Amino acid sequence: MESGFYVEEKVMNCPLCKAEMIKSRTNLPFEMENDRLVVIKNVPALVCRQCGEFFIEITIARVLENLVSTAVKDGVTLGFLEYSEAA
């Protein structure tokens, strides 16, 4: 099955349910103080085919950290960012 971004290939087993995880993308919400919410869409991740658990690589996590930090500094109260465009 092709997701549009990656051709799905088995990468590892899920630490929770032991099913296979595949390269895919996910949307991640970040809730912050003062009722702020930033959602980063289409984040590269390993996603479990069975339970939906996901794993983000450390380099991608650092990019997400910077994106959220910038959104907070810019005063975003509710925002949606596209990972590929913002990273």
Protein backbone atom coordinates (compact mmCIF):
# COMPACT_ATOMS: atom_id res chain seq x y z
CA MET A 1 0.00 0.00 0.00
CA GLU A 2 1.33 3.45 -0.87
CA SER A 3 0.64 6.44 1.39
CA GLY A 4 1.67 9.16 -1.06
CA PHE A 5 4.82 10.03 0.85
CA TYR A 6 6.49 6.69 1.42
CA VAL A 7 6.11 3.22 0.05
CA GLU A 8 5.22 1.28 3.18
CA GLU A 9 7.91 -1.14 4.27
CA LYS A 10 8.25 -3.08 7.49
CA VAL A 11 10.84 -1.40 9.69
CA MET A 12 10.41 -2.80 13.21
CA ASN A 13 7.89 -4.38 15.56
CA CYS A 14 5.66 -2.29 17.82
CA PRO A 15 6.89 -2.27 21.42
CA LEU A 16 3.26 -2.43 22.67
CA CYS A 17 1.50 -5.05 20.56
CA LYS A 18 4.40 -6.58 18.59
CA ALA A 19 2.72 -5.99 15.20
CA GLU A 20 4.76 -4.53 12.35
CA MET A 21 5.47 -0.81 12.15
CA ILE A 22 5.76 0.94 8.82
CA LYS A 23 7.18 4.23 7.59
CA SER A 24 4.27 6.62 7.35
CA ARG A 25 3.14 10.05 8.56
CA THR A 26 1.04 11.21 11.50
CA ASN A 27 -0.49 14.42 12.87
CA LEU A 28 0.72 15.54 16.29
CA PRO A 29 -1.18 17.94 18.57
CA PHE A 30 0.77 19.95 21.15
CA GLU A 31 -1.31 21.42 23.98
CA MET A 32 0.39 24.20 25.91
CA GLU A 33 -0.38 26.54 28.77
CA ASN A 34 -3.02 29.24 28.37
CA ASP A 35 -5.17 26.93 26.21
CA ARG A 36 -2.79 27.08 23.24
CA LEU A 37 -2.87 24.29 20.67
CA VAL A 38 -0.51 23.67 17.76
CA VAL A 39 -1.03 20.73 15.42
CA ILE A 40 1.81 19.66 13.17
CA LYS A 41 0.53 17.67 10.21
CA ASN A 42 2.23 14.93 8.18
CA VAL A 43 5.12 14.27 10.56
CA PRO A 44 7.34 11.38 9.36
CA ALA A 45 6.94 8.48 11.79
CA LEU A 46 6.94 4.74 12.21
CA VAL A 47 3.29 3.76 12.76
CA CYS A 48 1.97 0.41 13.99
CA ARG A 49 -0.42 -1.24 11.56
CA GLN A 50 -2.41 -2.81 14.42
CA CYS A 51 -2.65 -0.40 17.35
CA GLY A 52 -1.61 2.93 15.79
CA GLU A 53 1.25 3.56 18.21
CA PHE A 54 3.90 5.76 16.60
CA PHE A 55 7.61 6.38 16.97
CA ILE A 56 9.35 9.63 16.00
CA GLU A 57 13.10 9.71 15.33
CA ILE A 58 15.15 12.09 17.52
CA THR A 59 16.13 14.35 14.62
CA ILE A 60 12.47 14.85 13.76
CA ALA A 61 11.59 15.39 17.43
CA ARG A 62 14.14 18.22 17.58
CA VAL A 63 12.57 19.86 14.53
CA LEU A 64 9.14 19.56 16.16
CA GLU A 65 10.50 21.15 19.33
CA ASN A 66 11.76 24.14 17.35
CA LEU A 67 8.49 24.49 15.43
CA VAL A 68 6.40 24.50 18.62
CA SER A 69 8.81 26.89 20.35
CA THR A 70 8.61 29.31 17.43
CA ALA A 71 4.80 29.12 17.41
CA VAL A 72 4.72 29.97 21.13
CA LYS A 73 7.13 32.90 20.66
CA ASP A 74 4.96 34.18 17.80
CA GLY A 75 1.90 34.14 20.06
CA VAL A 76 -0.01 31.41 18.24
CA THR A 77 -3.15 30.42 20.16
CA LEU A 78 -4.47 27.85 17.68
CA GLY A 79 -2.36 26.79 14.74
CA PHE A 80 -1.84 24.10 12.13
CA LEU A 81 1.57 23.62 10.55
CA GLU A 82 2.56 21.33 7.70
CA TYR A 83 5.77 19.53 8.71
CA SER A 84 7.26 19.44 5.20
CA GLU A 85 6.73 23.18 4.71
CA ALA A 86 7.78 24.35 8.16
CA ALA A 87 10.76 22.05 8.83
